[in-house]
Amino acid sequence: MIERPSPRHAFCLLLLFFAAAASHAQLPAPRPQIDPALQAKADAGDATAQIAVGEAWATAPGKAQDCKQAADWYRKAGASIDGALHLAILYRDGCKTLLRDMAQAAQWYKQAAAQGDVSAQGTLGSLYFMGQGVPQDYNEAYFWLDLAARSPGPKQQQYASNRQLVGTHITTDDVEAAKDRVETWLATHPHK
């Protein structure tokens, strides 16, 4: 004969069932601390605020870090140089919630470089030289490194040295063609 549990025993079993069910329920993911005024500006389309919200997601401690969320916010500001650079760096480095993707990184470096960002130009030249995220192309590498080497700054000498190294892999005609292309680019793009 099967014994029926006492009402007290049945109540305890019911509590254990609900406790087990609650432990399997999806808890909301932790969120980084974001100032509501900053969030409102980002939601309204302010690129600087969008980058700041993306940074909050990218640098949040522990499980609150979500680089996919960061990428979404950077992408909203992606038309700006800063948005493109943040995306490039995020894809270059990757994180626990976003895989490293050198093709995506190169795409965003290219966007920032085309807008005149010297560090993006130098990095893009290096990527073309090594064939990371883009096909290896010494002519493109020379072009972007020559552009970067013509801008005064802390890495100007490094860009010039890298340009010289790349120049050993192409013909003098290719070097001249790249220099002509740089002159044309400089004439059609305002200096940043």
N, C-alpha and C. Protein backbone atom coordinates (compact mmCIF):
# COMPACT_ATOMS: atom_id res chain seq x y z
N MET A 1 0.84 -1.16 0.00
CA MET A 1 0.00 0.00 0.00
C MET A 1 0.90 1.25 0.00
N ILE A 2 0.54 2.23 -0.81
CA ILE A 2 1.31 3.47 -0.90
C ILE A 2 0.80 4.42 0.15
N GLU A 3 1.76 4.97 0.89
CA GLU A 3 1.41 5.93 1.93
C GLU A 3 1.31 7.32 1.36
N ARG A 4 0.32 8.06 1.73
CA ARG A 4 0.18 9.45 1.31
C ARG A 4 1.03 10.31 2.23
N PRO A 5 1.74 11.33 1.62
CA PRO A 5 2.54 12.20 2.49
C PRO A 5 1.64 13.06 3.35
N SER A 6 2.15 13.38 4.48
CA SER A 6 1.40 14.27 5.37
C SER A 6 1.31 15.65 4.71
N PRO A 7 0.34 16.46 5.09
CA PRO A 7 0.23 17.80 4.51
C PRO A 7 1.52 18.61 4.72
N ARG A 8 2.14 18.46 5.84
CA ARG A 8 3.39 19.19 6.10
C ARG A 8 4.49 18.72 5.15
N HIS A 9 4.61 17.43 4.96
CA HIS A 9 5.61 16.85 4.07
C HIS A 9 5.34 17.28 2.62
N ALA A 10 4.08 17.29 2.20
CA ALA A 10 3.70 17.71 0.85
C ALA A 10 4.07 19.18 0.64
N PHE A 11 3.85 20.00 1.67
CA PHE A 11 4.19 21.43 1.58
C PHE A 11 5.70 21.61 1.40
N CYS A 12 6.50 20.84 2.14
CA CYS A 12 7.96 20.93 2.02
C CYS A 12 8.41 20.50 0.63
N LEU A 13 7.82 19.44 0.09
CA LEU A 13 8.16 19.00 -1.27
C LEU A 13 7.81 20.08 -2.29
N LEU A 14 6.67 20.73 -2.10
CA LEU A 14 6.25 21.81 -3.00
C LEU A 14 7.23 22.98 -2.93
N LEU A 15 7.69 23.34 -1.75
CA LEU A 15 8.68 24.42 -1.59
C LEU A 15 9.98 24.06 -2.29
N LEU A 16 10.43 22.82 -2.15
CA LEU A 16 11.65 22.38 -2.82
C LEU A 16 11.50 22.44 -4.33
N PHE A 17 10.33 22.07 -4.86
CA PHE A 17 10.09 22.13 -6.29
C PHE A 17 10.19 23.56 -6.80
N PHE A 18 9.54 24.51 -6.10
CA PHE A 18 9.58 25.91 -6.54
C PHE A 18 10.97 26.52 -6.39
N ALA A 19 11.70 26.11 -5.38
CA ALA A 19 13.07 26.61 -5.21
C ALA A 19 13.95 26.12 -6.35
N ALA A 20 13.79 24.87 -6.73
CA ALA A 20 14.59 24.33 -7.84
C ALA A 20 14.21 25.02 -9.15
N ALA A 21 12.92 25.24 -9.36
CA ALA A 21 12.47 25.91 -10.58
C ALA A 21 13.00 27.35 -10.64
N ALA A 22 12.99 28.02 -9.52
CA ALA A 22 13.46 29.41 -9.48
C ALA A 22 14.96 29.48 -9.75
N SER A 23 15.72 28.48 -9.33
CA SER A 23 17.16 28.52 -9.56
C SER A 23 17.49 28.32 -11.03
N HIS A 24 16.58 27.71 -11.80
CA HIS A 24 16.81 27.51 -13.23
C HIS A 24 16.25 28.65 -14.07
N ALA A 25 15.49 29.52 -13.47
CA ALA A 25 14.91 30.64 -14.21
C ALA A 25 16.02 31.58 -14.67
N GLN A 26 15.82 32.21 -15.81
CA GLN A 26 16.81 33.14 -16.34
C GLN A 26 16.76 34.44 -15.55
N LEU A 27 17.88 34.74 -14.94
CA LEU A 27 17.99 36.03 -14.25
C LEU A 27 18.43 37.06 -15.28
N PRO A 28 17.98 38.29 -15.12
CA PRO A 28 18.43 39.30 -16.09
C PRO A 28 19.94 39.47 -16.00
N ALA A 29 20.55 39.68 -17.17
CA ALA A 29 22.00 39.87 -17.21
C ALA A 29 22.36 41.16 -16.47
N PRO A 30 23.47 41.16 -15.76
CA PRO A 30 23.86 42.40 -15.09
C PRO A 30 24.16 43.49 -16.12
N ARG A 31 23.91 44.71 -15.74
CA ARG A 31 24.11 45.84 -16.64
C ARG A 31 25.13 46.79 -15.99
N PRO A 32 25.90 47.46 -16.83
CA PRO A 32 26.84 48.44 -16.27
C PRO A 32 26.08 49.66 -15.77
N GLN A 33 26.71 50.40 -14.89
CA GLN A 33 26.13 51.64 -14.37
C GLN A 33 26.27 52.71 -15.45
N ILE A 34 25.16 53.17 -15.99
CA ILE A 34 25.18 54.22 -17.02
C ILE A 34 24.27 55.34 -16.55
N ASP A 35 24.82 56.55 -16.53
CA ASP A 35 24.05 57.72 -16.13
C ASP A 35 22.83 57.86 -17.04
N PRO A 36 21.62 57.99 -16.48
CA PRO A 36 20.42 58.10 -17.31
C PRO A 36 20.47 59.27 -18.30
N ALA A 37 21.09 60.38 -17.91
CA ALA A 37 21.19 61.52 -18.84
C ALA A 37 22.08 61.16 -20.03
N LEU A 38 23.16 60.44 -19.78
CA LEU A 38 24.05 59.99 -20.85
C LEU A 38 23.32 59.01 -21.76
N GLN A 39 22.57 58.08 -21.17
CA GLN A 39 21.81 57.11 -21.94
C GLN A 39 20.79 57.82 -22.83
N ALA A 40 20.13 58.84 -22.29
CA ALA A 40 19.14 59.59 -23.06
C ALA A 40 19.80 60.29 -24.26
N LYS A 41 20.97 60.86 -24.04
CA LYS A 41 21.68 61.50 -25.15
C LYS A 41 22.06 60.48 -26.22
N ALA A 42 22.53 59.32 -25.77
CA ALA A 42 22.91 58.26 -26.71
C ALA A 42 21.69 57.79 -27.50
N ASP A 43 20.58 57.61 -26.81
CA ASP A 43 19.35 57.18 -27.48
C ASP A 43 18.88 58.22 -28.50
N ALA A 44 19.19 59.50 -28.23
CA ALA A 44 18.78 60.59 -29.14
C ALA A 44 19.73 60.74 -30.33
N GLY A 45 20.84 59.98 -30.35
CA GLY A 45 21.72 60.00 -31.50
C GLY A 45 23.02 60.77 -31.33
N ASP A 46 23.35 61.20 -30.12
CA ASP A 46 24.60 61.92 -29.87
C ASP A 46 25.77 60.92 -29.95
N ALA A 47 26.65 61.10 -30.94
CA ALA A 47 27.74 60.15 -31.19
C ALA A 47 28.69 60.03 -30.00
N THR A 48 29.01 61.14 -29.36
CA THR A 48 29.92 61.09 -28.20
C THR A 48 29.29 60.28 -27.07
N ALA A 49 28.00 60.47 -26.84
CA ALA A 49 27.30 59.71 -25.80
C ALA A 49 27.20 58.23 -26.19
N GLN A 50 26.98 57.95 -27.46
CA GLN A 50 26.91 56.56 -27.91
C GLN A 50 28.23 55.84 -27.66
N ILE A 51 29.33 56.53 -27.90
CA ILE A 51 30.65 55.94 -27.65
C ILE A 51 30.84 55.71 -26.15
N ALA A 52 30.42 56.68 -25.34
CA ALA A 52 30.54 56.53 -23.88
C ALA A 52 29.71 55.36 -23.36
N VAL A 53 28.51 55.18 -23.89
CA VAL A 53 27.68 54.03 -23.48
C VAL A 53 28.34 52.73 -23.95
N GLY A 54 28.88 52.73 -25.16
CA GLY A 54 29.61 51.56 -25.64
C GLY A 54 30.79 51.23 -24.74
N GLU A 55 31.52 52.26 -24.33
CA GLU A 55 32.67 52.07 -23.42
C GLU A 55 32.22 51.47 -22.10
N ALA A 56 31.05 51.92 -21.60
CA ALA A 56 30.54 51.38 -20.34
C ALA A 56 30.29 49.88 -20.46
N TRP A 57 29.75 49.45 -21.60
CA TRP A 57 29.52 48.02 -21.81
C TRP A 57 30.84 47.27 -22.00
N ALA A 58 31.77 47.86 -22.73
CA ALA A 58 33.04 47.17 -23.03
C ALA A 58 33.93 47.02 -21.81
N THR A 59 33.86 47.96 -20.90
CA THR A 59 34.76 47.95 -19.74
C THR A 59 34.07 47.58 -18.43
N ALA A 60 32.81 47.17 -18.51
CA ALA A 60 32.08 46.81 -17.29
C ALA A 60 32.76 45.62 -16.61
N PRO A 61 32.75 45.61 -15.29
CA PRO A 61 33.39 44.50 -14.58
C PRO A 61 32.57 43.21 -14.66
N GLY A 62 33.28 42.11 -14.65
CA GLY A 62 32.65 40.79 -14.55
C GLY A 62 31.65 40.47 -15.64
N LYS A 63 30.53 39.91 -15.22
CA LYS A 63 29.52 39.46 -16.18
C LYS A 63 28.77 40.61 -16.83
N ALA A 64 28.91 41.80 -16.32
CA ALA A 64 28.22 42.95 -16.93
C ALA A 64 28.90 43.35 -18.24
N GLN A 65 30.16 42.94 -18.45
CA GLN A 65 30.86 43.28 -19.69
C GLN A 65 30.17 42.57 -20.85
N ASP A 66 29.83 43.34 -21.88
CA ASP A 66 29.18 42.77 -23.05
C ASP A 66 29.66 43.54 -24.28
N CYS A 67 30.63 42.95 -24.96
CA CYS A 67 31.24 43.62 -26.12
C CYS A 67 30.31 43.66 -27.32
N LYS A 68 29.33 42.75 -27.38
CA LYS A 68 28.34 42.84 -28.46
C LYS A 68 27.50 44.10 -28.29
N GLN A 69 27.11 44.38 -27.05
CA GLN A 69 26.37 45.63 -26.77
C GLN A 69 27.26 46.83 -27.09
N ALA A 70 28.53 46.75 -26.69
CA ALA A 70 29.46 47.85 -26.97
C ALA A 70 29.57 48.08 -28.47
N ALA A 71 29.70 46.99 -29.23
CA ALA A 71 29.80 47.12 -30.69
C ALA A 71 28.55 47.76 -31.28
N ASP A 72 27.39 47.39 -30.75
CA ASP A 72 26.14 48.00 -31.25
C ASP A 72 26.15 49.51 -31.03
N TRP A 73 26.61 49.95 -29.86
CA TRP A 73 26.65 51.39 -29.57
C TRP A 73 27.73 52.08 -30.40
N TYR A 74 28.89 51.47 -30.54
CA TYR A 74 29.94 52.06 -31.38
C TYR A 74 29.48 52.17 -32.84
N ARG A 75 28.76 51.14 -33.29
CA ARG A 75 28.28 51.14 -34.67
C ARG A 75 27.32 52.30 -34.91
N LYS A 76 26.52 52.63 -33.90
CA LYS A 76 25.61 53.77 -34.03
C LYS A 76 26.40 55.06 -34.24
N ALA A 77 27.58 55.12 -33.67
CA ALA A 77 28.45 56.30 -33.83
C ALA A 77 29.51 56.05 -34.89
N GLY A 78 29.39 54.97 -35.65
CA GLY A 78 30.40 54.51 -36.60
C GLY A 78 30.71 55.46 -37.72
N ALA A 79 29.81 56.38 -38.03
CA ALA A 79 30.10 57.35 -39.10
C ALA A 79 31.17 58.33 -38.64
N SER A 80 31.37 58.45 -37.34
CA SER A 80 32.41 59.34 -36.82
C SER A 80 33.74 58.60 -36.75
N ILE A 81 34.82 59.34 -36.75
CA ILE A 81 36.15 58.71 -36.64
C ILE A 81 36.25 57.94 -35.33
N ASP A 82 35.79 58.54 -34.22
CA ASP A 82 35.90 57.85 -32.93
C ASP A 82 35.09 56.57 -32.89
N GLY A 83 33.89 56.59 -33.46
CA GLY A 83 33.09 55.37 -33.50
C GLY A 83 33.78 54.27 -34.29
N ALA A 84 34.33 54.65 -35.45
CA ALA A 84 35.02 53.67 -36.29
C ALA A 84 36.26 53.12 -35.58
N LEU A 85 37.01 53.99 -34.91
CA LEU A 85 38.21 53.53 -34.21
C LEU A 85 37.87 52.60 -33.05
N HIS A 86 36.82 52.93 -32.29
CA HIS A 86 36.42 52.05 -31.19
C HIS A 86 36.01 50.67 -31.73
N LEU A 87 35.28 50.65 -32.83
CA LEU A 87 34.90 49.36 -33.42
C LEU A 87 36.13 48.60 -33.91
N ALA A 88 37.05 49.31 -34.56
CA ALA A 88 38.26 48.67 -35.06
C ALA A 88 39.03 48.00 -33.92
N ILE A 89 39.21 48.71 -32.84
CA ILE A 89 39.97 48.19 -31.69
C ILE A 89 39.22 47.03 -31.04
N LEU A 90 37.90 47.16 -30.92
CA LEU A 90 37.10 46.10 -30.32
C LEU A 90 37.21 44.81 -31.14
N TYR A 91 37.09 44.92 -32.47
CA TYR A 91 37.22 43.73 -33.31
C TYR A 91 38.66 43.23 -33.38
N ARG A 92 39.63 44.12 -33.31
CA ARG A 92 41.04 43.70 -33.33
C ARG A 92 41.37 42.87 -32.10
N ASP A 93 40.88 43.32 -30.93
CA ASP A 93 41.23 42.65 -29.68
C ASP A 93 40.25 41.55 -29.28
N GLY A 94 38.97 41.71 -29.64
CA GLY A 94 37.96 40.76 -29.21
C GLY A 94 37.78 40.78 -27.70
N CYS A 95 36.85 40.01 -27.20
CA CYS A 95 36.65 39.85 -25.76
C CYS A 95 35.80 38.61 -25.54
N LYS A 96 35.42 38.37 -24.31
CA LYS A 96 34.73 37.11 -24.02
C LYS A 96 33.35 37.01 -24.69
N THR A 97 32.74 38.14 -25.06
CA THR A 97 31.42 38.08 -25.70
C THR A 97 31.46 38.50 -27.18
N LEU A 98 32.66 38.72 -27.73
CA LEU A 98 32.79 39.10 -29.13
C LEU A 98 34.12 38.55 -29.65
N LEU A 99 34.04 37.68 -30.62
CA LEU A 99 35.26 37.08 -31.15
C LEU A 99 36.09 38.10 -31.91
N ARG A 100 37.38 37.90 -31.87
CA ARG A 100 38.32 38.72 -32.63
C ARG A 100 38.03 38.53 -34.12
N ASP A 101 37.98 39.63 -34.87
CA ASP A 101 37.65 39.55 -36.30
C ASP A 101 38.48 40.60 -37.02
N MET A 102 39.61 40.19 -37.58
CA MET A 102 40.53 41.13 -38.22
C MET A 102 39.95 41.75 -39.49
N ALA A 103 39.07 41.03 -40.19
CA ALA A 103 38.44 41.62 -41.37
C ALA A 103 37.54 42.79 -40.97
N GLN A 104 36.77 42.61 -39.89
CA GLN A 104 35.94 43.71 -39.38
C GLN A 104 36.82 44.86 -38.88
N ALA A 105 37.89 44.52 -38.18
CA ALA A 105 38.80 45.55 -37.68
C ALA A 105 39.36 46.36 -38.83
N ALA A 106 39.81 45.68 -39.88
CA ALA A 106 40.37 46.38 -41.04
C ALA A 106 39.34 47.28 -41.70
N GLN A 107 38.11 46.81 -41.78
CA GLN A 107 37.03 47.61 -42.38
C GLN A 107 36.86 48.92 -41.62
N TRP A 108 36.85 48.84 -40.30
CA TRP A 108 36.64 50.05 -39.49
C TRP A 108 37.88 50.93 -39.47
N TYR A 109 39.07 50.34 -39.51
CA TYR A 109 40.29 51.16 -39.64
C TYR A 109 40.26 51.90 -40.97
N LYS A 110 39.80 51.21 -42.02
CA LYS A 110 39.74 51.83 -43.35
C LYS A 110 38.79 53.03 -43.34
N GLN A 111 37.66 52.88 -42.65
CA GLN A 111 36.71 54.00 -42.57
C GLN A 111 37.32 55.20 -41.86
N ALA A 112 38.01 54.97 -40.75
CA ALA A 112 38.64 56.07 -40.01
C ALA A 112 39.81 56.65 -40.81
N ALA A 113 40.57 55.80 -41.49
CA ALA A 113 41.70 56.26 -42.30
C ALA A 113 41.22 57.15 -43.44
N ALA A 114 40.12 56.77 -44.07
CA ALA A 114 39.57 57.54 -45.19
C ALA A 114 39.09 58.92 -44.73
N GLN A 115 38.79 59.03 -43.43
CA GLN A 115 38.36 60.31 -42.87
C GLN A 115 39.55 61.14 -42.38
N GLY A 116 40.77 60.60 -42.54
CA GLY A 116 41.96 61.36 -42.23
C GLY A 116 42.62 61.06 -40.90
N ASP A 117 42.20 60.01 -40.20
CA ASP A 117 42.84 59.69 -38.92
C ASP A 117 44.20 59.06 -39.17
N VAL A 118 45.24 59.71 -38.69
CA VAL A 118 46.62 59.29 -38.96
C VAL A 118 46.92 57.92 -38.34
N SER A 119 46.49 57.68 -37.12
CA SER A 119 46.79 56.38 -36.50
C SER A 119 46.09 55.26 -37.26
N ALA A 120 44.88 55.49 -37.74
CA ALA A 120 44.18 54.48 -38.53
C ALA A 120 44.90 54.26 -39.86
N GLN A 121 45.43 55.32 -40.46
CA GLN A 121 46.18 55.18 -41.71
C GLN A 121 47.42 54.32 -41.49
N GLY A 122 48.15 54.61 -40.43
CA GLY A 122 49.35 53.82 -40.14
C GLY A 122 49.03 52.37 -39.84
N THR A 123 47.98 52.14 -39.07
CA THR A 123 47.58 50.77 -38.74
C THR A 123 47.12 50.04 -39.99
N LEU A 124 46.33 50.72 -40.83
CA LEU A 124 45.85 50.10 -42.05
C LEU A 124 47.01 49.73 -42.97
N GLY A 125 48.02 50.61 -43.06
CA GLY A 125 49.21 50.28 -43.83
C GLY A 125 49.88 49.01 -43.33
N SER A 126 49.97 48.88 -42.02
CA SER A 126 50.57 47.68 -41.43
C SER A 126 49.73 46.44 -41.71
N LEU A 127 48.40 46.59 -41.66
CA LEU A 127 47.53 45.45 -41.94
C LEU A 127 47.69 44.98 -43.39
N TYR A 128 47.79 45.93 -44.31
CA TYR A 128 48.02 45.54 -45.71
C TYR A 128 49.39 44.89 -45.88
N PHE A 129 50.39 45.38 -45.18
CA PHE A 129 51.72 44.80 -45.27
C PHE A 129 51.71 43.34 -44.80
N MET A 130 51.02 43.07 -43.67
CA MET A 130 51.00 41.73 -43.10
C MET A 130 49.90 40.85 -43.67
N GLY A 131 48.93 41.46 -44.36
CA GLY A 131 47.80 40.68 -44.86
C GLY A 131 46.87 40.23 -43.76
N GLN A 132 46.66 41.09 -42.77
CA GLN A 132 45.76 40.76 -41.66
C GLN A 132 44.42 41.47 -41.85
N GLY A 133 43.38 40.70 -42.08
CA GLY A 133 42.05 41.26 -42.27
C GLY A 133 41.80 41.80 -43.66
N VAL A 134 42.85 41.92 -44.44
CA VAL A 134 42.81 42.37 -45.84
C VAL A 134 43.82 41.52 -46.61
N PRO A 135 43.66 41.45 -47.93
CA PRO A 135 44.69 40.73 -48.70
C PRO A 135 46.03 41.48 -48.60
N GLN A 136 47.11 40.74 -48.55
CA GLN A 136 48.42 41.38 -48.50
C GLN A 136 48.62 42.18 -49.78
N ASP A 137 48.94 43.46 -49.63
CA ASP A 137 49.07 44.35 -50.78
C ASP A 137 50.11 45.42 -50.41
N TYR A 138 51.32 45.25 -50.93
CA TYR A 138 52.40 46.18 -50.59
C TYR A 138 52.15 47.59 -51.13
N ASN A 139 51.48 47.70 -52.27
CA ASN A 139 51.18 49.03 -52.81
C ASN A 139 50.22 49.79 -51.90
N GLU A 140 49.18 49.11 -51.43
CA GLU A 140 48.24 49.74 -50.50
C GLU A 140 48.94 50.07 -49.18
N ALA A 141 49.78 49.15 -48.72
CA ALA A 141 50.52 49.38 -47.48
C ALA A 141 51.38 50.64 -47.62
N TYR A 142 52.08 50.77 -48.72
CA TYR A 142 52.94 51.94 -48.93
C TYR A 142 52.10 53.21 -48.96
N PHE A 143 50.99 53.19 -49.67
CA PHE A 143 50.12 54.36 -49.76
C PHE A 143 49.69 54.85 -48.38
N TRP A 144 49.13 53.95 -47.57
CA TRP A 144 48.61 54.35 -46.26
C TRP A 144 49.73 54.76 -45.31
N LEU A 145 50.86 54.08 -45.36
CA LEU A 145 51.99 54.45 -44.49
C LEU A 145 52.61 55.77 -44.93
N ASP A 146 52.65 56.04 -46.24
CA ASP A 146 53.17 57.31 -46.72
C ASP A 146 52.27 58.45 -46.26
N LEU A 147 50.97 58.23 -46.34
CA LEU A 147 50.02 59.24 -45.88
C LEU A 147 50.25 59.52 -44.39
N ALA A 148 50.36 58.47 -43.59
CA ALA A 148 50.55 58.63 -42.14
C ALA A 148 51.90 59.30 -41.84
N ALA A 149 52.93 58.95 -42.60
CA ALA A 149 54.28 59.49 -42.35
C ALA A 149 54.37 60.98 -42.69
N ARG A 150 53.44 61.49 -43.44
CA ARG A 150 53.47 62.91 -43.81
C ARG A 150 52.80 63.80 -42.77
N SER A 151 52.21 63.21 -41.76
CA SER A 151 51.54 63.99 -40.71
C SER A 151 52.41 64.04 -39.47
N PRO A 152 52.71 65.23 -38.97
CA PRO A 152 53.51 65.33 -37.75
C PRO A 152 52.79 64.66 -36.58
N GLY A 153 53.54 64.00 -35.75
CA GLY A 153 52.97 63.35 -34.58
C GLY A 153 53.98 62.41 -33.95
N PRO A 154 53.59 61.82 -32.83
CA PRO A 154 54.53 60.97 -32.08
C PRO A 154 54.96 59.71 -32.82
N LYS A 155 54.17 59.24 -33.77
CA LYS A 155 54.52 58.01 -34.48
C LYS A 155 54.98 58.28 -35.91
N GLN A 156 55.21 59.54 -36.26
CA GLN A 156 55.59 59.88 -37.63
C GLN A 156 56.83 59.12 -38.08
N GLN A 157 57.84 59.06 -37.24
CA GLN A 157 59.08 58.36 -37.61
C GLN A 157 58.84 56.86 -37.78
N GLN A 158 58.00 56.29 -36.94
CA GLN A 158 57.68 54.87 -37.05
C GLN A 158 56.98 54.59 -38.38
N TYR A 159 56.02 55.45 -38.75
CA TYR A 159 55.32 55.27 -40.02
C TYR A 159 56.30 55.40 -41.20
N ALA A 160 57.23 56.36 -41.09
CA ALA A 160 58.23 56.54 -42.16
C ALA A 160 59.13 55.31 -42.28
N SER A 161 59.54 54.76 -41.14
CA SER A 161 60.38 53.55 -41.16
C SER A 161 59.63 52.36 -41.76
N ASN A 162 58.36 52.21 -41.37
CA ASN A 162 57.55 51.12 -41.92
C ASN A 162 57.34 51.31 -43.42
N ARG A 163 57.14 52.56 -43.85
CA ARG A 163 56.99 52.86 -45.28
C ARG A 163 58.25 52.44 -46.04
N GLN A 164 59.41 52.76 -45.47
CA GLN A 164 60.68 52.39 -46.12
C GLN A 164 60.80 50.88 -46.25
N LEU A 165 60.42 50.16 -45.21
CA LEU A 165 60.45 48.70 -45.26
C LEU A 165 59.55 48.18 -46.36
N VAL A 166 58.33 48.71 -46.44
CA VAL A 166 57.39 48.29 -47.48
C VAL A 166 57.96 48.62 -48.86
N GLY A 167 58.63 49.76 -48.97
CA GLY A 167 59.20 50.18 -50.25
C GLY A 167 60.21 49.20 -50.81
N THR A 168 60.80 48.37 -49.97
CA THR A 168 61.76 47.38 -50.46
C THR A 168 61.05 46.21 -51.16
N HIS A 169 59.71 46.15 -51.03
CA HIS A 169 58.94 45.05 -51.61
C HIS A 169 58.23 45.45 -52.90
N ILE A 170 58.37 46.72 -53.32
CA ILE A 170 57.70 47.17 -54.54
C ILE A 170 58.70 47.88 -55.44
N THR A 171 58.33 48.05 -56.69
CA THR A 171 59.23 48.69 -57.66
C THR A 171 59.25 50.20 -57.45
N THR A 172 60.25 50.86 -58.04
CA THR A 172 60.30 52.32 -57.96
C THR A 172 59.11 52.94 -58.67
N ASP A 173 58.62 52.32 -59.72
CA ASP A 173 57.41 52.82 -60.39
C ASP A 173 56.20 52.75 -59.46
N ASP A 174 56.12 51.65 -58.69
CA ASP A 174 55.02 51.52 -57.72
C ASP A 174 55.13 52.58 -56.63
N VAL A 175 56.35 52.86 -56.18
CA VAL A 175 56.57 53.90 -55.17
C VAL A 175 56.11 55.25 -55.71
N GLU A 176 56.50 55.56 -56.94
CA GLU A 176 56.10 56.84 -57.55
C GLU A 176 54.58 56.93 -57.72
N ALA A 177 53.97 55.83 -58.12
CA ALA A 177 52.51 55.80 -58.28
C ALA A 177 51.82 56.03 -56.94
N ALA A 178 52.35 55.42 -55.88
CA ALA A 178 51.78 55.61 -54.54
C ALA A 178 51.94 57.06 -54.09
N LYS A 179 53.10 57.64 -54.34
CA LYS A 179 53.33 59.04 -53.96
C LYS A 179 52.39 59.97 -54.72
N ASP A 180 52.17 59.70 -56.00
CA ASP A 180 51.21 60.50 -56.78
C ASP A 180 49.80 60.37 -56.19
N ARG A 181 49.47 59.16 -55.82
CA ARG A 181 48.15 58.90 -55.22
C ARG A 181 48.00 59.64 -53.89
N VAL A 182 49.07 59.68 -53.10
CA VAL A 182 49.05 60.41 -51.83
C VAL A 182 48.85 61.90 -52.09
N GLU A 183 49.57 62.45 -53.06
CA GLU A 183 49.42 63.88 -53.39
C GLU A 183 47.99 64.21 -53.80
N THR A 184 47.40 63.34 -54.60
CA THR A 184 46.00 63.54 -55.02
C THR A 184 45.08 63.47 -53.81
N TRP A 185 45.33 62.49 -52.93
CA TRP A 185 44.49 62.33 -51.74
C TRP A 185 44.60 63.58 -50.87
N LEU A 186 45.82 64.06 -50.64
CA LEU A 186 46.02 65.23 -49.79
C LEU A 186 45.36 66.48 -50.38
N ALA A 187 45.34 66.58 -51.70
CA ALA A 187 44.73 67.74 -52.35
C ALA A 187 43.21 67.72 -52.25
N THR A 188 42.63 66.53 -52.09
CA THR A 188 41.17 66.43 -52.06
C THR A 188 40.58 66.21 -50.66
N HIS A 189 41.44 66.04 -49.68
CA HIS A 189 40.96 65.83 -48.31
C HIS A 189 41.50 66.93 -47.40
N PRO A 190 40.60 67.58 -46.69
CA PRO A 190 41.08 68.59 -45.75
C PRO A 190 41.92 67.98 -44.65
N HIS A 191 42.92 68.71 -44.20
CA HIS A 191 43.81 68.22 -43.15
C HIS A 191 43.05 68.19 -41.82
N LYS A 192 43.16 67.06 -41.12
CA LYS A 192 42.50 66.90 -39.82
C LYS A 192 43.44 67.33 -38.72
